[in-house]
Amino acid sequence: MSILADKNTKILVQGITGVQASFHVKRAMASGTNVVAGVSPNKGGTIYNGVPVFATVKEAVAATGATASMMFVPARFLKSAAREAIEAELDLAVTIAEGVPIRDMLEIKAMLKGSKTVLIGPNTPGVIVPDEASLGFFPEIIHHAGDIGIVSRSSTLTYEATLEVCRAGHGQSTVVGLGDDMIVGTDFVEILKRFHQDDATSAIVMLGNTGGMYEELAAEYYAGLVNKKPVITYIAGVKFPLDYKIGYAGDIITHGKITAEDKKAIMRKSGMIVVDSVNDIHTVLRNLPLNQATE
């Protein structure tokens, strides 16, 4: 079982005729992703790479029953694309757009409140369920189906964590890149909750960073759980000098008083397993009493 999508999820692509979409959607479809529709305002009624294209998301949903969206739209158009996805009541929308204005993201967050749509991103590699569904851009060759969930705020480290999971003899149940931007659609808490409800996930790898307060909120949630799955966590950016200005909202609010070491201490107190290097993840995994390793 997957926490967000699987091989049966009907996926539409907003901005399907763009250069990035053309490349990555072909790869996703080749790996089994169930792409049933594309959306492009000026190209409704056409066929693109074998996929029917509609003028609006609502038209695509009505015709195909799509429940998820890959959003290959530029940052300046994300607000309107997100509004379409939310109003069409999609379950999931994944956006890779980078450099989305903060004001636009605040408006998108307001639209998401009370809706049924889960937005992953922006500025994310996306979501992948190995051998079933890929929404975004991933080097599929390094991903293998298994029992370890990965959730990350660092795009590059997402790939490194995947390799570490494989080194430990495990595959991944679902990999979620929350996004590198200051404001993202979904936080650690929501994904941790879903992983804990997923019978196919035995343990979780969580990659945070020094900016913002997403990690503290995740630790608070995890500390309150009665039945906890193991969570191995790493904080990126520990080597930044103390006066380094990342600019995340949490740093502004706390005047930089919450350091990476503070985050690590909070996580350890919650019961999470904190590692000092991404390369330590496979060692910890090998020592956990898990049953689904593939060695």
Protein backbone atom coordinates (compact mmCIF):
# COMPACT_ATOMS: atom_id res chain seq x y z
CA MET A 1 0.00 0.00 0.00
CA SER A 2 1.17 3.53 -0.70
CA ILE A 3 0.49 6.61 1.35
CA LEU A 4 -0.27 8.97 -1.56
CA ALA A 5 -0.46 7.13 -4.90
CA ASP A 6 -0.07 3.69 -6.45
CA LYS A 7 -0.24 1.91 -9.81
CA ASN A 8 -4.01 2.38 -9.94
CA THR A 9 -3.96 6.13 -9.29
CA LYS A 10 -5.21 8.01 -12.35
CA ILE A 11 -2.88 10.95 -12.90
CA LEU A 12 -3.25 14.07 -15.04
CA VAL A 13 -0.41 16.39 -15.99
CA GLN A 14 -0.88 20.15 -15.85
CA GLY A 15 1.42 21.71 -18.43
CA ILE A 16 1.94 18.41 -20.23
CA THR A 17 3.22 19.99 -23.45
CA GLY A 18 6.13 21.79 -21.80
CA VAL A 19 9.74 20.70 -22.29
CA GLN A 20 10.26 19.34 -18.77
CA ALA A 21 6.92 17.57 -18.76
CA SER A 22 7.58 15.96 -22.13
CA PHE A 23 10.79 14.40 -20.84
CA HIS A 24 9.77 13.36 -17.33
CA VAL A 25 6.24 12.20 -18.14
CA LYS A 26 7.57 9.83 -20.80
CA ARG A 27 9.91 8.33 -18.22
CA ALA A 28 7.15 8.08 -15.64
CA MET A 29 4.82 6.32 -18.06
CA ALA A 30 7.58 3.93 -19.11
CA SER A 31 8.02 2.95 -15.46
CA GLY A 32 4.31 2.19 -15.06
CA THR A 33 2.80 5.49 -13.92
CA ASN A 34 -0.87 5.66 -14.91
CA VAL A 35 -1.05 8.99 -16.76
CA VAL A 36 -4.58 9.35 -18.15
CA ALA A 37 -4.79 13.01 -19.17
CA GLY A 38 -2.96 16.23 -19.82
CA VAL A 39 -4.11 19.80 -19.26
CA SER A 40 -3.11 22.74 -21.42
CA PRO A 41 -5.49 25.72 -21.79
CA ASN A 42 -4.80 26.27 -25.50
CA LYS A 43 -4.50 22.64 -26.60
CA GLY A 44 -7.69 20.99 -25.38
CA GLY A 45 -8.97 18.28 -27.70
CA THR A 46 -5.53 17.23 -28.91
CA ILE A 47 -3.41 14.17 -28.20
CA TYR A 48 0.12 14.61 -26.89
CA ASN A 49 2.49 11.64 -26.65
CA GLY A 50 -0.53 9.37 -26.68
CA VAL A 51 -2.29 11.21 -23.86
CA PRO A 52 -5.57 13.13 -24.37
CA VAL A 53 -5.25 16.82 -23.55
CA PHE A 54 -8.02 18.93 -22.00
CA ALA A 55 -8.39 22.68 -21.57
CA THR A 56 -9.12 22.52 -17.83
CA VAL A 57 -8.54 20.21 -14.89
CA LYS A 58 -12.27 19.83 -14.30
CA GLU A 59 -12.77 18.64 -17.88
CA ALA A 60 -9.93 16.14 -17.51
CA VAL A 61 -11.34 14.81 -14.22
CA ALA A 62 -14.85 14.48 -15.66
CA ALA A 63 -13.60 12.57 -18.69
CA THR A 64 -11.00 10.31 -17.08
CA GLY A 65 -11.68 10.12 -13.35
CA ALA A 66 -8.18 11.41 -12.54
CA THR A 67 -7.51 11.93 -8.83
CA ALA A 68 -3.93 13.26 -8.84
CA SER A 69 -1.90 15.85 -10.71
CA MET A 70 1.70 16.33 -11.74
CA MET A 71 2.09 20.09 -12.09
CA PHE A 72 4.76 21.04 -14.62
CA VAL A 73 3.89 24.73 -14.63
CA PRO A 74 6.22 27.72 -14.10
CA ALA A 75 6.26 29.36 -10.67
CA ARG A 76 4.30 32.39 -11.87
CA PHE A 77 1.37 30.18 -12.92
CA LEU A 78 1.35 27.88 -9.91
CA LYS A 79 -1.34 29.75 -7.99
CA SER A 80 -3.89 29.39 -10.78
CA ALA A 81 -2.88 25.77 -11.44
CA ALA A 82 -3.22 24.93 -7.75
CA ARG A 83 -6.62 26.59 -7.64
CA GLU A 84 -7.78 24.40 -10.53
CA ALA A 85 -6.55 21.24 -8.80
CA ILE A 86 -8.15 22.17 -5.49
CA GLU A 87 -11.48 23.18 -7.04
CA ALA A 88 -11.53 19.89 -8.98
CA GLU A 89 -11.14 18.13 -5.60
CA LEU A 90 -8.07 16.15 -6.54
CA ASP A 91 -6.61 14.01 -3.76
CA LEU A 92 -3.02 14.86 -4.63
CA ALA A 93 -1.11 17.55 -6.50
CA VAL A 94 2.68 17.58 -6.89
CA THR A 95 4.50 20.70 -8.06
CA ILE A 96 8.18 20.92 -8.95
CA ALA A 97 8.11 24.70 -9.57
CA GLU A 98 11.03 26.61 -8.06
CA GLY A 99 10.96 30.20 -6.89
CA VAL A 100 7.24 30.49 -6.16
CA PRO A 101 6.57 33.93 -4.60
CA ILE A 102 5.90 33.73 -0.87
CA ARG A 103 2.68 35.69 -1.25
CA ASP A 104 1.42 33.15 -3.81
CA MET A 105 2.24 30.26 -1.47
CA LEU A 106 0.40 31.95 1.39
CA GLU A 107 -2.67 32.23 -0.85
CA ILE A 108 -2.30 28.61 -1.94
CA LYS A 109 -2.05 27.49 1.69
CA ALA A 110 -5.28 29.37 2.40
CA MET A 111 -6.96 27.58 -0.52
CA LEU A 112 -5.74 24.20 0.74
CA LYS A 113 -7.21 24.74 4.18
CA GLY A 114 -10.41 22.71 4.43
CA SER A 115 -9.94 21.14 1.00
CA LYS A 116 -9.33 17.45 0.27
CA THR A 117 -6.19 18.13 -1.78
CA VAL A 118 -2.71 17.30 -0.50
CA LEU A 119 -0.12 19.52 -2.18
CA ILE A 120 3.48 18.30 -2.30
CA GLY A 121 6.05 20.98 -3.09
CA PRO A 122 6.94 23.40 -4.51
CA ASN A 123 10.63 22.98 -5.37
CA THR A 124 10.55 19.22 -4.89
CA PRO A 125 11.58 16.13 -6.84
CA GLY A 126 8.05 14.91 -6.08
CA VAL A 127 6.67 11.57 -4.95
CA ILE A 128 7.67 8.09 -6.06
CA VAL A 129 6.30 4.66 -5.25
CA PRO A 130 8.86 2.33 -6.82
CA ASP A 131 7.50 0.18 -9.65
CA GLU A 132 4.07 1.83 -9.33
CA ALA A 133 3.93 5.61 -9.68
CA SER A 134 6.34 8.47 -10.19
CA LEU A 135 5.08 12.05 -9.90
CA GLY A 136 8.01 14.36 -10.48
CA PHE A 137 11.56 13.58 -11.50
CA PHE A 138 13.54 10.72 -10.04
CA PRO A 139 16.42 8.50 -11.17
CA GLU A 140 14.15 5.45 -11.18
CA ILE A 141 17.10 3.07 -11.40
CA ILE A 142 18.05 3.71 -7.75
CA HIS A 143 14.53 3.13 -6.40
CA HIS A 144 13.30 -0.32 -5.41
CA ALA A 145 10.04 -1.40 -3.81
CA GLY A 146 10.30 -2.16 -0.10
CA ASP A 147 9.30 -1.25 3.42
CA ILE A 148 11.13 1.99 4.27
CA GLY A 149 9.37 5.34 3.90
CA ILE A 150 11.44 8.44 3.11
CA VAL A 151 10.35 12.03 3.65
CA SER A 152 12.73 14.90 2.98
CA ARG A 153 13.12 18.66 2.88
CA SER A 154 16.30 18.38 0.79
CA SER A 155 15.99 17.32 -2.84
CA THR A 156 19.56 16.07 -3.30
CA LEU A 157 19.68 14.26 0.03
CA THR A 158 16.48 12.44 -0.92
CA TYR A 159 18.48 10.52 -3.50
CA GLU A 160 21.33 9.87 -1.07
CA ALA A 161 18.92 8.53 1.54
CA THR A 162 17.41 6.23 -1.09
CA LEU A 163 20.85 4.79 -1.81
CA GLU A 164 21.47 4.33 1.91
CA VAL A 165 18.21 2.42 2.28
CA CYS A 166 19.27 0.15 -0.58
CA ARG A 167 22.71 -0.36 1.00
CA ALA A 168 20.91 -1.65 4.10
CA GLY A 169 19.15 -4.26 1.98
CA HIS A 170 15.77 -2.55 1.94
CA GLY A 171 13.60 -0.85 -0.66
CA GLN A 172 11.25 2.10 -0.32
CA SER A 173 7.49 2.06 0.27
CA THR A 174 7.04 5.70 -0.73
CA VAL A 175 9.52 8.56 -1.14
CA VAL A 176 8.20 12.09 -0.56
CA GLY A 177 10.14 15.29 -1.21
CA LEU A 178 8.30 17.98 0.75
CA GLY A 179 10.17 20.76 -1.06
CA ASP A 180 13.10 23.05 -0.34
CA ASP A 181 11.20 26.36 -0.26
CA MET A 182 10.38 28.35 2.87
CA ILE A 183 6.66 27.54 2.59
CA VAL A 184 5.56 24.14 1.32
CA GLY A 185 2.15 22.59 0.86
CA THR A 186 2.55 19.64 3.24
CA ASP A 187 4.70 19.17 6.34
CA PHE A 188 6.47 16.30 8.08
CA VAL A 189 3.59 15.70 10.47
CA GLU A 190 1.12 14.81 7.73
CA ILE A 191 3.53 12.42 6.04
CA LEU A 192 4.63 10.78 9.31
CA LYS A 193 0.97 10.24 10.14
CA ARG A 194 0.37 8.54 6.81
CA PHE A 195 3.47 6.36 7.13
CA HIS A 196 2.32 5.22 10.56
CA GLN A 197 -1.04 4.22 9.07
CA ASP A 198 0.64 2.30 6.25
CA ASP A 199 1.08 -1.43 6.92
CA ALA A 200 3.70 -1.65 4.17
CA THR A 201 6.04 0.81 5.93
CA SER A 202 8.21 -0.64 8.71
CA ALA A 203 10.47 2.34 9.38
CA ILE A 204 10.88 5.93 8.24
CA VAL A 205 13.85 8.05 7.17
CA MET A 206 13.28 11.77 7.72
CA LEU A 207 15.64 14.43 6.35
CA GLY A 208 15.32 17.93 7.75
CA ASN A 209 17.37 21.10 7.62
CA THR A 210 18.42 23.99 9.82
CA GLY A 211 15.75 26.42 8.62
CA GLY A 212 12.17 26.71 9.79
CA MET A 213 10.35 24.76 12.49
CA TYR A 214 8.98 21.79 10.54
CA GLU A 215 11.29 19.38 12.38
CA GLU A 216 10.26 20.56 15.86
CA LEU A 217 6.59 20.10 15.00
CA ALA A 218 7.35 16.61 13.68
CA ALA A 219 9.18 15.73 16.90
CA GLU A 220 6.26 16.99 18.98
CA TYR A 221 3.86 14.81 17.00
CA TYR A 222 6.12 11.77 17.21
CA ALA A 223 6.63 12.17 20.95
CA GLY A 224 2.88 11.89 21.44
CA LEU A 225 2.48 8.61 19.57
CA VAL A 226 1.85 5.44 21.55
CA ASN A 227 2.82 2.92 18.86
CA LYS A 228 5.85 4.36 17.11
CA LYS A 229 7.58 3.09 14.03
CA PRO A 230 11.34 3.76 14.05
CA VAL A 231 12.22 7.15 12.58
CA ILE A 232 15.83 7.76 11.55
CA THR A 233 16.45 11.46 11.07
CA TYR A 234 19.25 13.66 9.76
CA ILE A 235 19.52 17.45 9.85
CA ALA A 236 21.29 19.06 6.92
CA GLY A 237 23.21 22.31 7.28
CA VAL A 238 24.87 21.53 10.63
CA LYS A 239 28.19 22.88 9.34
CA PHE A 240 26.81 26.34 8.53
CA PRO A 241 28.45 29.02 10.72
CA LEU A 242 26.27 30.29 13.57
CA ASP A 243 25.77 33.66 11.89
CA TYR A 244 24.70 32.09 8.57
CA LYS A 245 21.40 33.62 7.43
CA ILE A 246 19.16 31.06 5.73
CA GLY A 247 16.14 33.32 5.89
CA TYR A 248 13.44 30.83 6.86
CA ALA A 249 10.47 32.16 8.77
CA GLY A 250 11.28 30.03 11.83
CA ASP A 251 14.76 31.55 12.03
CA ILE A 252 13.33 35.05 11.87
CA ILE A 253 10.80 34.33 14.61
CA THR A 254 13.36 32.71 16.90
CA HIS A 255 16.17 35.15 16.01
CA GLY A 256 18.36 32.20 15.04
CA LYS A 257 18.31 30.77 18.57
CA ILE A 258 17.24 27.30 17.44
CA THR A 259 20.34 25.70 15.99
CA ALA A 260 20.78 22.38 14.23
CA GLU A 261 22.03 20.90 17.51
CA ASP A 262 18.87 22.16 19.24
CA LYS A 263 16.75 20.42 16.61
CA LYS A 264 18.71 17.20 17.05
CA ALA A 265 18.24 17.31 20.81
CA ILE A 266 14.49 17.82 20.44
CA MET A 267 14.27 14.90 18.04
CA ARG A 268 16.27 12.58 20.28
CA LYS A 269 14.00 13.48 23.20
CA SER A 270 10.96 12.56 21.09
CA GLY A 271 12.34 9.07 20.49
CA MET A 272 13.69 9.58 16.97
CA ILE A 273 17.06 8.09 16.04
CA VAL A 274 19.33 10.98 15.04
CA VAL A 275 22.36 10.36 12.84
CA ASP A 276 25.22 12.79 12.25
CA SER A 277 25.79 11.75 8.64
CA VAL A 278 23.54 10.53 5.84
CA ASN A 279 26.05 7.70 5.42
CA ASP A 280 25.08 6.38 8.86
CA ILE A 281 21.50 5.62 7.80
CA HIS A 282 22.24 2.19 6.34
CA THR A 283 24.09 1.11 9.50
CA VAL A 284 21.18 2.07 11.73
CA LEU A 285 18.70 0.35 9.43
CA ARG A 286 20.71 -2.85 9.47
CA ASN A 287 20.60 -2.90 13.27
CA LEU A 288 16.85 -2.35 13.54
CA PRO A 289 14.67 -5.47 14.15
CA LEU A 290 12.88 -5.23 10.79
CA ASN A 291 11.64 -8.22 8.84
CA GLN A 292 11.48 -7.11 5.23
CA ALA A 293 15.11 -6.56 4.25
CA THR A 294 15.91 -7.83 0.77
CA GLU A 295 19.56 -8.84 1.24
